[in-house]
Amino acid sequence: MKIFRWLIVVSLLTFKAGDSSCQIVKTEDFYDSIKYYDLSKLWCADSMLNLDCSSNSSDPKYFTFPEPLGFIGDNFQRFEIHLLSIKKNKNNPYIYNVTGKTRVKANVSRFSGTITIDTAEIVFDTIIMSALDAQKMKRGYAICHIAYYEDKRASAGGCLRGTMETDWCIYAGQMCYDNYELVADGYSNNQFTGKWKSYKSGATKKCNWGDFRIPESIGLDVGTGEFIVSEKYLKNGWQNYMDTYIYSDSIKQKKEMEIENKKWWK
């Protein structure tokens, strides 16, 4: 879990400086136990439970599940990916069989493949655990390997391989998408870093995606509290996104929002 690993570094530095009041972050291996949970709703769902929902009746109990933000290539061309189905493998509890679609510009490709859990850990932090204990939560993360294969009959098909980090939370015995710090600056989840390889030419391109932010997107993402695209790359598929979510309200924005929210995978 990114925030916790950052806190580990801070804690160690503070400890070396002689501050006895430093907070220590601990982790516990969870790999043997995670096979008993179904992680499919961490990656593919219509909605997710709001883990930070207070007694305030105005707080939504559920959030809409996010569509990943992604890029492909050195010019940060917008890359979109949507999972259509995900099922836990009956013979191996660490493997999930996946189908979905990708889109780059006007090119839409079907794919199938797997998500394989490589490691999983529970994270304990004295700063945050007091709040979580009251709600009987456990937080952790999983490192997964992804192998997706686009349709070979497609004009520009290829395979996607890489590593994804997913933050999760066990709440009331159920595995949930960890959105506990969703309102925090720089929040992200399901961070994938990898490469796309063309079937025809064998050429590879960097291809990363994630929920709310994209890993290794310095130069593209110039936002602090939220994902904001640099003007330099707007022409590479990002103009409509910015018109919808970032730029000021207008008649044009309503039209752009309809385009942005269209379910292109159907």
Protein backbone atom coordinates (compact mmCIF):
# COMPACT_ATOMS: atom_id res chain seq x y z
CA MET A 1 0.00 0.00 0.00
CA LYS A 2 1.70 3.14 -1.24
CA ILE A 3 0.88 5.49 1.64
CA PHE A 4 1.98 2.99 4.24
CA ARG A 5 5.31 2.26 2.56
CA TRP A 6 5.92 6.02 2.48
CA LEU A 7 5.16 6.17 6.20
CA ILE A 8 7.67 3.36 6.80
CA VAL A 9 10.42 5.46 5.23
CA VAL A 10 9.42 8.52 7.25
CA SER A 11 9.31 6.46 10.44
CA LEU A 12 12.77 5.01 9.84
CA LEU A 13 14.25 8.41 9.11
CA THR A 14 12.65 9.85 12.24
CA PHE A 15 13.91 6.93 14.31
CA LYS A 16 17.46 7.42 13.07
CA ALA A 17 17.18 11.09 13.98
CA GLY A 18 16.54 10.06 17.57
CA ASP A 19 12.84 10.90 17.85
CA SER A 20 11.41 8.28 20.17
CA SER A 21 7.83 9.33 19.34
CA CYS A 22 7.96 8.03 15.76
CA GLN A 23 5.14 5.85 14.49
CA ILE A 24 6.11 2.40 13.24
CA VAL A 25 4.35 0.71 10.37
CA LYS A 26 4.27 -3.08 10.38
CA THR A 27 3.15 -5.57 7.76
CA GLU A 28 2.04 -9.17 8.05
CA ASP A 29 2.10 -11.74 5.26
CA PHE A 30 -1.42 -12.52 4.05
CA TYR A 31 -0.68 -14.61 0.98
CA ASP A 32 -1.86 -17.93 2.43
CA SER A 33 -5.10 -16.36 3.64
CA ILE A 34 -6.07 -14.24 0.66
CA LYS A 35 -6.94 -17.33 -1.37
CA TYR A 36 -10.09 -17.70 0.75
CA TYR A 37 -11.44 -14.33 -0.43
CA ASP A 38 -12.90 -13.35 -3.78
CA LEU A 39 -11.03 -10.29 -5.10
CA SER A 40 -13.01 -9.94 -8.32
CA LYS A 41 -15.00 -6.92 -7.08
CA LEU A 42 -11.76 -5.02 -6.50
CA TRP A 43 -11.33 -4.88 -10.28
CA CYS A 44 -14.78 -5.22 -11.83
CA ALA A 45 -18.02 -3.96 -10.26
CA ASP A 46 -20.86 -1.48 -10.72
CA SER A 47 -20.36 0.12 -7.31
CA MET A 48 -18.23 -0.02 -4.18
CA LEU A 49 -19.01 0.45 -0.50
CA ASN A 50 -18.07 3.87 0.90
CA LEU A 51 -15.77 2.83 3.76
CA ASP A 52 -15.59 6.38 5.10
CA CYS A 53 -19.35 6.84 5.32
CA SER A 54 -20.23 8.66 8.54
CA SER A 55 -23.52 8.99 10.35
CA ASN A 56 -24.26 12.01 8.18
CA SER A 57 -27.25 11.02 6.08
CA SER A 58 -25.88 13.02 3.13
CA ASP A 59 -22.89 10.71 2.77
CA PRO A 60 -23.42 8.16 -0.02
CA LYS A 61 -23.29 4.53 1.08
CA TYR A 62 -21.89 3.46 -2.28
CA PHE A 63 -19.64 5.03 -4.91
CA THR A 64 -19.76 4.36 -8.64
CA PHE A 65 -16.89 2.07 -9.59
CA PRO A 66 -14.19 4.08 -11.42
CA GLU A 67 -13.12 3.62 -15.01
CA PRO A 68 -9.30 3.38 -15.19
CA LEU A 69 -7.18 6.18 -16.62
CA GLY A 70 -4.35 5.00 -18.86
CA PHE A 71 -1.78 5.83 -21.50
CA ILE A 72 0.23 3.96 -24.11
CA GLY A 73 3.51 4.99 -25.72
CA ASP A 74 6.00 7.77 -25.06
CA ASN A 75 3.54 10.43 -26.27
CA PHE A 76 1.04 9.49 -23.52
CA GLN A 77 -1.72 8.55 -26.00
CA ARG A 78 -4.88 7.89 -24.02
CA PHE A 79 -5.49 4.18 -23.40
CA GLU A 80 -8.83 2.91 -22.11
CA ILE A 81 -9.55 -0.50 -20.63
CA HIS A 82 -12.76 -2.00 -19.28
CA LEU A 83 -13.23 -5.44 -17.70
CA LEU A 84 -16.37 -7.25 -18.80
CA SER A 85 -16.07 -10.32 -16.59
CA ILE A 86 -13.76 -11.75 -13.95
CA LYS A 87 -13.98 -15.13 -12.27
CA LYS A 88 -11.80 -16.87 -9.73
CA ASN A 89 -10.08 -19.91 -11.23
CA LYS A 90 -11.55 -23.14 -9.81
CA ASN A 91 -8.21 -24.94 -9.87
CA ASN A 92 -5.98 -22.14 -8.56
CA PRO A 93 -7.34 -19.62 -6.00
CA TYR A 94 -4.59 -17.12 -6.84
CA ILE A 95 -5.62 -16.81 -10.49
CA TYR A 96 -8.57 -14.84 -11.90
CA ASN A 97 -9.78 -15.33 -15.47
CA VAL A 98 -10.64 -12.04 -17.16
CA THR A 99 -12.34 -10.76 -20.32
CA GLY A 100 -12.63 -7.16 -21.43
CA LYS A 101 -12.00 -4.54 -24.09
CA THR A 102 -9.36 -1.90 -24.78
CA ARG A 103 -9.64 1.29 -26.80
CA VAL A 104 -6.98 3.49 -28.37
CA LYS A 105 -8.40 6.30 -30.50
CA ALA A 106 -11.16 4.58 -32.54
CA ASN A 107 -9.63 1.11 -32.29
CA VAL A 108 -11.53 -1.21 -29.91
CA SER A 109 -10.15 -4.70 -29.19
CA ARG A 110 -11.47 -7.61 -27.18
CA PHE A 111 -9.09 -9.38 -24.83
CA SER A 112 -8.94 -12.29 -22.41
CA GLY A 113 -6.33 -13.21 -19.86
CA THR A 114 -5.48 -13.59 -16.20
CA ILE A 115 -4.71 -11.71 -13.02
CA THR A 116 -2.40 -13.71 -10.75
CA ILE A 117 -1.78 -12.77 -7.11
CA ASP A 118 1.95 -12.88 -6.35
CA THR A 119 2.08 -11.37 -2.86
CA ALA A 120 -0.39 -10.05 -0.27
CA GLU A 121 0.14 -8.29 3.04
CA ILE A 122 -1.88 -6.72 5.83
CA VAL A 123 -0.59 -3.32 6.96
CA PHE A 124 -0.65 -2.06 10.54
CA ASP A 125 -0.04 1.60 11.35
CA THR A 126 -0.55 3.20 14.75
CA ILE A 127 -1.60 6.53 13.19
CA ILE A 128 -4.47 5.06 11.19
CA MET A 129 -5.40 1.84 13.00
CA SER A 130 -7.27 3.58 15.82
CA ALA A 131 -9.91 4.75 13.35
CA LEU A 132 -10.00 1.40 11.59
CA ASP A 133 -10.33 -0.61 14.80
CA ALA A 134 -13.56 1.19 15.59
CA GLN A 135 -14.98 -0.04 12.31
CA LYS A 136 -13.40 -3.50 12.55
CA MET A 137 -11.36 -3.07 9.38
CA LYS A 138 -8.15 -4.60 8.13
CA ARG A 139 -6.24 -2.91 5.31
CA GLY A 140 -3.74 -4.46 2.98
CA TYR A 141 -2.44 -4.71 -0.55
CA ALA A 142 -1.76 -7.33 -3.20
CA ILE A 143 0.84 -7.35 -5.94
CA CYS A 144 -0.48 -9.10 -9.05
CA HIS A 145 0.83 -10.12 -12.44
CA ILE A 146 -1.38 -9.34 -15.42
CA ALA A 147 -1.36 -11.09 -18.79
CA TYR A 148 -4.03 -9.92 -21.24
CA TYR A 149 -4.24 -11.06 -24.89
CA GLU A 150 -6.14 -9.02 -27.44
CA ASP A 151 -7.89 -10.68 -30.37
CA LYS A 152 -5.24 -11.77 -32.89
CA ARG A 153 -7.69 -11.06 -35.71
CA ALA A 154 -7.73 -7.37 -34.80
CA SER A 155 -5.86 -5.02 -37.12
CA ALA A 156 -3.63 -3.77 -34.31
CA GLY A 157 -3.77 -6.51 -31.70
CA GLY A 158 -1.18 -7.29 -29.08
CA CYS A 159 -0.60 -8.58 -25.57
CA LEU A 160 -0.40 -6.67 -22.31
CA ARG A 161 1.88 -7.80 -19.50
CA GLY A 162 2.87 -6.13 -16.28
CA THR A 163 2.37 -5.70 -12.55
CA MET A 164 -0.60 -4.23 -10.69
CA GLU A 165 -0.83 -3.12 -7.07
CA THR A 166 -4.29 -3.27 -5.51
CA ASP A 167 -5.23 -1.81 -2.12
CA TRP A 168 -8.00 -3.67 -0.34
CA CYS A 169 -9.85 -3.62 2.95
CA ILE A 170 -11.56 -6.40 4.86
CA TYR A 171 -14.72 -4.93 6.36
CA ALA A 172 -17.20 -7.09 8.30
CA GLY A 173 -15.50 -10.16 6.89
CA GLN A 174 -15.85 -9.05 3.27
CA MET A 175 -13.09 -8.11 0.85
CA CYS A 176 -13.71 -4.51 -0.28
CA TYR A 177 -12.11 -1.93 -2.55
CA ASP A 178 -10.08 0.35 -0.25
CA ASN A 179 -11.48 3.86 -0.75
CA TYR A 180 -10.93 4.92 2.86
CA GLU A 181 -8.76 7.88 1.77
CA LEU A 182 -10.56 8.63 -1.48
CA VAL A 183 -10.77 12.36 -0.73
CA ALA A 184 -7.03 12.64 0.00
CA ASP A 185 -4.76 14.40 -2.50
CA GLY A 186 -3.09 11.94 -4.85
CA TYR A 187 -5.34 9.00 -3.96
CA SER A 188 -5.02 6.06 -6.35
CA ASN A 189 -5.68 2.33 -6.58
CA ASN A 190 -5.20 -0.58 -9.00
CA GLN A 191 -1.93 0.84 -10.29
CA PHE A 192 -0.66 -1.08 -13.34
CA THR A 193 2.76 -0.68 -14.96
CA GLY A 194 3.64 -2.74 -18.00
CA LYS A 195 4.06 -3.01 -21.75
CA TRP A 196 1.94 -3.70 -24.79
CA LYS A 197 3.55 -5.89 -27.47
CA SER A 198 2.30 -5.99 -31.07
CA TYR A 199 1.50 -9.42 -32.52
CA LYS A 200 2.56 -8.34 -36.02
CA SER A 201 5.75 -6.36 -35.51
CA GLY A 202 6.85 -7.44 -32.05
CA ALA A 203 7.29 -3.77 -31.14
CA THR A 204 6.60 -2.82 -27.53
CA LYS A 205 5.11 0.30 -25.96
CA LYS A 206 4.92 1.38 -22.36
CA CYS A 207 1.34 1.01 -21.16
CA ASN A 208 0.20 2.05 -17.68
CA TRP A 209 -3.18 2.58 -16.09
CA GLY A 210 -4.87 3.01 -12.73
CA ASP A 211 -7.89 4.25 -10.83
CA PHE A 212 -7.91 8.05 -10.32
CA ARG A 213 -4.17 8.42 -11.11
CA ILE A 214 -1.71 6.68 -13.47
CA PRO A 215 1.66 5.38 -12.23
CA GLU A 216 4.81 6.81 -13.80
CA SER A 217 2.90 9.58 -15.57
CA ILE A 218 5.20 12.51 -14.80
CA GLY A 219 4.88 14.94 -17.69
CA LEU A 220 1.32 13.88 -18.48
CA ASP A 221 -0.27 14.42 -15.06
CA VAL A 222 0.38 17.93 -13.75
CA GLY A 223 -2.29 17.86 -11.06
CA THR A 224 -1.71 17.93 -7.31
CA GLY A 225 -4.99 16.93 -5.72
CA GLU A 226 -6.42 15.25 -8.82
CA PHE A 227 -5.47 13.97 -12.26
CA ILE A 228 -4.95 16.91 -14.65
CA VAL A 229 -3.50 16.52 -18.13
CA SER A 230 -0.71 18.77 -19.36
CA GLU A 231 -1.78 20.98 -22.29
CA LYS A 232 1.09 19.45 -24.26
CA TYR A 233 -0.74 16.11 -24.48
CA LEU A 234 -4.40 17.16 -24.76
CA LYS A 235 -4.39 16.32 -28.48
CA ASN A 236 -3.48 12.70 -27.70
CA GLY A 237 -6.99 11.72 -26.66
CA TRP A 238 -7.31 13.76 -23.47
CA GLN A 239 -9.21 16.88 -24.58
CA ASN A 240 -12.64 15.36 -24.02
CA TYR A 241 -11.69 14.15 -20.54
CA MET A 242 -10.52 17.61 -19.52
CA ASP A 243 -13.59 19.31 -21.02
CA THR A 244 -15.79 16.96 -19.00
CA TYR A 245 -14.19 16.89 -15.56
CA ILE A 246 -11.83 19.84 -15.20
CA TYR A 247 -12.80 22.82 -17.35
CA SER A 248 -15.54 25.26 -16.38
CA ASP A 249 -19.25 24.58 -16.84
CA SER A 250 -20.69 25.25 -20.29
CA ILE A 251 -23.16 23.97 -22.87
CA LYS A 252 -20.22 22.30 -24.58
CA GLN A 253 -19.30 20.52 -21.36
CA LYS A 254 -22.68 18.77 -21.22
CA LYS A 255 -22.12 17.39 -24.70
CA GLU A 256 -18.57 16.32 -23.87
CA MET A 257 -19.78 14.59 -20.72
CA GLU A 258 -22.22 12.50 -22.73
CA ILE A 259 -19.36 11.41 -24.99
CA GLU A 260 -17.01 10.74 -22.09
CA ASN A 261 -19.55 8.65 -20.18
CA LYS A 262 -20.68 6.64 -23.20
CA LYS A 263 -20.18 2.91 -22.63
CA TRP A 264 -17.88 2.32 -25.60
CA TRP A 265 -17.31 -1.34 -24.65
CA LYS A 266 -20.92 -2.34 -25.40
